[in-house]
Amino acid sequence: MRITSFSDVSLRLLMVLCAASGEELPTTRELAETVGTPYNHVSKAALKLRQMGLIEAIRGRGGGVRITLAGRNATVGGVLRVLDDHSDVAACETAAGECPLAHGCGLRGALNQAREAFYASLDDVSLDSLSKKPQGGPVSVTLSTRPAN
């Protein structure tokens, strides 16, 4: 299965925001640079994510974007169900119009079931669990003059 580029950008934004500290408020321009995507795409994704209640925008000087509690708890499967366009997995038509097998064909239904199984397999994956958070505190290091085995 493939996800749309819009869904991909949206998931990357959510992961970056999950990893950010609570004090950080990156702007959409900074987020666009971070995820390596044009600003226009990121701003459209941010608008949709805000409408979904997964992020919030803080206006004014020092403002930016941050993830909401709902965004942290959201699952990849749940987000994709909303963001993906739900067009048929297979293009069931020919240049002349509808596929001549459409009335007796079960492929479209089987492919739609497969898409739902794909989403269902991601229902247990929270966005917060995917983000790599910066580790604070001391890092355990072992130095030795002996060569490694």
C-alpha atoms as a PDB file:
ATOM      1  CA  MET A   1       0.000   0.000   0.000  1.00  0.00           C
ATOM      2  CA  ARG A   2       1.064   3.565  -0.562  1.00  0.00           C
ATOM      3  CA  ILE A   3       0.029   6.684   1.241  1.00  0.00           C
ATOM      4  CA  THR A   4      -0.435  10.035  -0.448  1.00  0.00           C
ATOM      5  CA  SER A   5       2.348  12.595  -0.356  1.00  0.00           C
ATOM      6  CA  PHE A   6       0.005  14.838   1.665  1.00  0.00           C
ATOM      7  CA  SER A   7      -0.369  12.101   4.299  1.00  0.00           C
ATOM      8  CA  ASP A   8       3.387  11.545   4.310  1.00  0.00           C
ATOM      9  CA  VAL A   9       4.111  15.225   4.961  1.00  0.00           C
ATOM     10  CA  SER A  10       1.415  15.350   7.638  1.00  0.00           C
ATOM     11  CA  LEU A  11       2.813  12.327   9.482  1.00  0.00           C
ATOM     12  CA  ARG A  12       6.332  13.747   9.323  1.00  0.00           C
ATOM     13  CA  LEU A  13       5.091  17.042  10.794  1.00  0.00           C
ATOM     14  CA  LEU A  14       3.372  15.235  13.634  1.00  0.00           C
ATOM     15  CA  MET A  15       6.476  13.158  14.374  1.00  0.00           C
ATOM     16  CA  VAL A  16       8.725  16.238  14.451  1.00  0.00           C
ATOM     17  CA  LEU A  17       6.297  18.022  16.761  1.00  0.00           C
ATOM     18  CA  CYS A  18       6.067  14.990  19.059  1.00  0.00           C
ATOM     19  CA  ALA A  19       9.842  15.001  19.385  1.00  0.00           C
ATOM     20  CA  ALA A  20      10.031  18.742  20.112  1.00  0.00           C
ATOM     21  CA  SER A  21      10.239  19.890  23.695  1.00  0.00           C
ATOM     22  CA  GLY A  22       7.191  21.623  25.121  1.00  0.00           C
ATOM     23  CA  GLU A  23       8.944  25.004  25.042  1.00  0.00           C
ATOM     24  CA  GLU A  24       9.831  24.804  21.344  1.00  0.00           C
ATOM     25  CA  LEU A  25       7.374  26.446  18.977  1.00  0.00           C
ATOM     26  CA  PRO A  26       8.686  25.943  15.452  1.00  0.00           C
ATOM     27  CA  THR A  27       7.115  27.977  12.677  1.00  0.00           C
ATOM     28  CA  THR A  28       5.689  26.322   9.585  1.00  0.00           C
ATOM     29  CA  ARG A  29       8.679  27.660   7.636  1.00  0.00           C
ATOM     30  CA  GLU A  30      11.059  25.979  10.081  1.00  0.00           C
ATOM     31  CA  LEU A  31       9.026  22.775   9.911  1.00  0.00           C
ATOM     32  CA  ALA A  32       9.165  22.851   6.109  1.00  0.00           C
ATOM     33  CA  GLU A  33      12.939  23.054   6.294  1.00  0.00           C
ATOM     34  CA  THR A  34      13.102  20.295   8.905  1.00  0.00           C
ATOM     35  CA  VAL A  35      11.018  17.820   6.914  1.00  0.00           C
ATOM     36  CA  GLY A  36      12.525  18.838   3.551  1.00  0.00           C
ATOM     37  CA  THR A  37       9.227  19.812   1.964  1.00  0.00           C
ATOM     38  CA  PRO A  38       8.103  23.032   0.268  1.00  0.00           C
ATOM     39  CA  TYR A  39       6.474  25.555   2.580  1.00  0.00           C
ATOM     40  CA  ASN A  40       3.166  25.535   0.677  1.00  0.00           C
ATOM     41  CA  HIS A  41       2.746  21.782   1.229  1.00  0.00           C
ATOM     42  CA  VAL A  42       3.624  22.065   4.905  1.00  0.00           C
ATOM     43  CA  SER A  43       1.235  24.969   5.494  1.00  0.00           C
ATOM     44  CA  LYS A  44      -1.639  23.028   3.873  1.00  0.00           C
ATOM     45  CA  ALA A  45      -0.847  19.969   5.975  1.00  0.00           C
ATOM     46  CA  ALA A  46      -0.599  22.101   9.125  1.00  0.00           C
ATOM     47  CA  LEU A  47      -3.995  23.645   8.398  1.00  0.00           C
ATOM     48  CA  LYS A  48      -5.611  20.214   8.023  1.00  0.00           C
ATOM     49  CA  LEU A  49      -3.903  18.894  11.179  1.00  0.00           C
ATOM     50  CA  ARG A  50      -5.123  21.955  13.069  1.00  0.00           C
ATOM     51  CA  GLN A  51      -8.675  21.344  11.826  1.00  0.00           C
ATOM     52  CA  MET A  52      -8.348  17.754  13.068  1.00  0.00           C
ATOM     53  CA  GLY A  53      -7.303  19.049  16.515  1.00  0.00           C
ATOM     54  CA  LEU A  54      -3.877  17.365  16.357  1.00  0.00           C
ATOM     55  CA  ILE A  55      -1.823  20.556  16.426  1.00  0.00           C
ATOM     56  CA  GLU A  56      -2.384  24.113  17.542  1.00  0.00           C
ATOM     57  CA  ALA A  57      -1.004  27.352  16.155  1.00  0.00           C
ATOM     58  CA  ILE A  58       0.180  30.047  18.516  1.00  0.00           C
ATOM     59  CA  ARG A  59       0.017  33.488  16.906  1.00  0.00           C
ATOM     60  CA  GLY A  60       2.196  36.519  17.452  1.00  0.00           C
ATOM     61  CA  ARG A  61       5.793  37.138  18.211  1.00  0.00           C
ATOM     62  CA  GLY A  62       7.413  33.952  19.464  1.00  0.00           C
ATOM     63  CA  GLY A  63       4.492  31.944  18.125  1.00  0.00           C
ATOM     64  CA  GLY A  64       4.607  28.732  16.199  1.00  0.00           C
ATOM     65  CA  VAL A  65       3.080  25.287  16.101  1.00  0.00           C
ATOM     66  CA  ARG A  66       2.841  22.604  18.760  1.00  0.00           C
ATOM     67  CA  ILE A  67       1.259  19.207  19.066  1.00  0.00           C
ATOM     68  CA  THR A  68      -1.857  18.746  21.178  1.00  0.00           C
ATOM     69  CA  LEU A  69      -2.524  15.899  23.570  1.00  0.00           C
ATOM     70  CA  ALA A  70      -4.891  14.448  20.958  1.00  0.00           C
ATOM     71  CA  GLY A  71      -2.033  14.614  18.447  1.00  0.00           C
ATOM     72  CA  ARG A  72       0.327  12.764  20.778  1.00  0.00           C
ATOM     73  CA  ASN A  73      -2.247  10.058  21.375  1.00  0.00           C
ATOM     74  CA  ALA A  74      -3.351   9.769  17.743  1.00  0.00           C
ATOM     75  CA  THR A  75      -2.535   6.578  15.886  1.00  0.00           C
ATOM     76  CA  VAL A  76      -1.045   6.358  12.426  1.00  0.00           C
ATOM     77  CA  GLY A  77      -4.026   4.303  11.246  1.00  0.00           C
ATOM     78  CA  GLY A  78      -6.521   6.841  12.558  1.00  0.00           C
ATOM     79  CA  VAL A  79      -4.712   9.778  10.991  1.00  0.00           C
ATOM     80  CA  LEU A  80      -4.372   8.045   7.632  1.00  0.00           C
ATOM     81  CA  ARG A  81      -8.066   7.189   7.518  1.00  0.00           C
ATOM     82  CA  VAL A  82      -8.854  10.906   7.704  1.00  0.00           C
ATOM     83  CA  LEU A  83      -6.065  12.188   5.458  1.00  0.00           C
ATOM     84  CA  ASP A  84      -6.038   9.691   2.602  1.00  0.00           C
ATOM     85  CA  ASP A  85      -8.341  10.408  -0.297  1.00  0.00           C
ATOM     86  CA  HIS A  86     -10.003   6.954  -0.214  1.00  0.00           C
ATOM     87  CA  SER A  87      -9.998   6.662  -3.975  1.00  0.00           C
ATOM     88  CA  ASP A  88     -10.140   3.114  -5.263  1.00  0.00           C
ATOM     89  CA  VAL A  89      -6.854   1.250  -5.030  1.00  0.00           C
ATOM     90  CA  ALA A  90      -7.296   0.065  -8.623  1.00  0.00           C
ATOM     91  CA  ALA A  91      -8.506   2.241 -11.482  1.00  0.00           C
ATOM     92  CA  CYS A  92     -11.485   0.171 -12.521  1.00  0.00           C
ATOM     93  CA  GLU A  93     -12.136   1.818 -15.839  1.00  0.00           C
ATOM     94  CA  THR A  94     -10.831   1.741 -19.368  1.00  0.00           C
ATOM     95  CA  ALA A  95     -10.274   4.569 -21.818  1.00  0.00           C
ATOM     96  CA  ALA A  96     -13.807   3.910 -23.091  1.00  0.00           C
ATOM     97  CA  GLY A  97     -15.351   4.178 -19.627  1.00  0.00           C
ATOM     98  CA  GLU A  98     -16.240   1.768 -16.850  1.00  0.00           C
ATOM     99  CA  CYS A  99     -14.570  -1.638 -16.768  1.00  0.00           C
ATOM    100  CA  PRO A 100     -16.667  -4.293 -18.524  1.00  0.00           C
ATOM    101  CA  LEU A 101     -16.019  -6.646 -15.564  1.00  0.00           C
ATOM    102  CA  ALA A 102     -17.234  -4.166 -12.932  1.00  0.00           C
ATOM    103  CA  HIS A 103     -20.590  -5.862 -12.293  1.00  0.00           C
ATOM    104  CA  GLY A 104     -19.203  -9.338 -11.628  1.00  0.00           C
ATOM    105  CA  CYS A 105     -15.800  -8.405 -10.231  1.00  0.00           C
ATOM    106  CA  GLY A 106     -14.857  -8.650  -6.571  1.00  0.00           C
ATOM    107  CA  LEU A 107     -11.410  -7.096  -6.978  1.00  0.00           C
ATOM    108  CA  ARG A 108     -12.426  -3.571  -5.983  1.00  0.00           C
ATOM    109  CA  GLY A 109     -13.982  -4.814  -2.729  1.00  0.00           C
ATOM    110  CA  ALA A 110     -11.013  -7.061  -1.959  1.00  0.00           C
ATOM    111  CA  LEU A 111      -8.571  -4.188  -2.491  1.00  0.00           C
ATOM    112  CA  ASN A 112     -10.629  -1.879  -0.286  1.00  0.00           C
ATOM    113  CA  GLN A 113     -10.575  -4.558   2.442  1.00  0.00           C
ATOM    114  CA  ALA A 114      -6.796  -4.760   2.065  1.00  0.00           C
ATOM    115  CA  ARG A 115      -6.523  -0.986   2.517  1.00  0.00           C
ATOM    116  CA  GLU A 116      -8.578  -1.197   5.712  1.00  0.00           C
ATOM    117  CA  ALA A 117      -6.343  -4.040   6.953  1.00  0.00           C
ATOM    118  CA  PHE A 118      -3.348  -1.781   6.255  1.00  0.00           C
ATOM    119  CA  TYR A 119      -4.893   0.989   8.380  1.00  0.00           C
ATOM    120  CA  ALA A 120      -5.904  -1.490  11.083  1.00  0.00           C
ATOM    121  CA  SER A 121      -2.312  -2.726  11.349  1.00  0.00           C
ATOM    122  CA  LEU A 122      -1.320   0.872  12.159  1.00  0.00           C
ATOM    123  CA  ASP A 123      -4.057   1.460  14.737  1.00  0.00           C
ATOM    124  CA  ASP A 124      -1.767   0.360  17.567  1.00  0.00           C
ATOM    125  CA  VAL A 125       1.067   2.679  16.508  1.00  0.00           C
ATOM    126  CA  SER A 126       0.841   6.044  18.255  1.00  0.00           C
ATOM    127  CA  LEU A 127       2.590   9.021  16.742  1.00  0.00           C
ATOM    128  CA  ASP A 128       4.309   9.717  20.039  1.00  0.00           C
ATOM    129  CA  SER A 129       5.910   6.257  19.970  1.00  0.00           C
ATOM    130  CA  LEU A 130       7.485   6.965  16.563  1.00  0.00           C
ATOM    131  CA  SER A 131       9.296  10.177  17.420  1.00  0.00           C
ATOM    132  CA  LYS A 132      12.872  10.117  18.555  1.00  0.00           C
ATOM    133  CA  LYS A 133      13.115  12.383  21.539  1.00  0.00           C
ATOM    134  CA  PRO A 134      16.420  13.990  22.404  1.00  0.00           C
ATOM    135  CA  GLN A 135      17.950  12.265  25.373  1.00  0.00           C
ATOM    136  CA  GLY A 136      19.022  14.430  28.247  1.00  0.00           C
ATOM    137  CA  GLY A 137      21.390  13.645  31.035  1.00  0.00           C
ATOM    138  CA  PRO A 138      24.642  11.742  31.083  1.00  0.00           C
ATOM    139  CA  VAL A 139      25.500   9.221  28.438  1.00  0.00           C
ATOM    140  CA  SER A 140      27.131   6.029  29.564  1.00  0.00           C
ATOM    141  CA  VAL A 141      30.504   5.585  27.855  1.00  0.00           C
ATOM    142  CA  THR A 142      32.975   2.789  28.414  1.00  0.00           C
ATOM    143  CA  LEU A 143      36.570   3.432  27.452  1.00  0.00           C
ATOM    144  CA  SER A 144      39.070   0.656  27.204  1.00  0.00           C
ATOM    145  CA  THR A 145      42.565   0.178  25.877  1.00  0.00           C
ATOM    146  CA  ARG A 146      41.760  -3.405  24.943  1.00  0.00           C
ATOM    147  CA  PRO A 147      40.820  -4.054  21.336  1.00  0.00           C
ATOM    148  CA  ALA A 148      37.219  -4.986  20.745  1.00  0.00           C
ATOM    149  CA  ASN A 149      36.531  -8.661  19.942  1.00  0.00           C
END
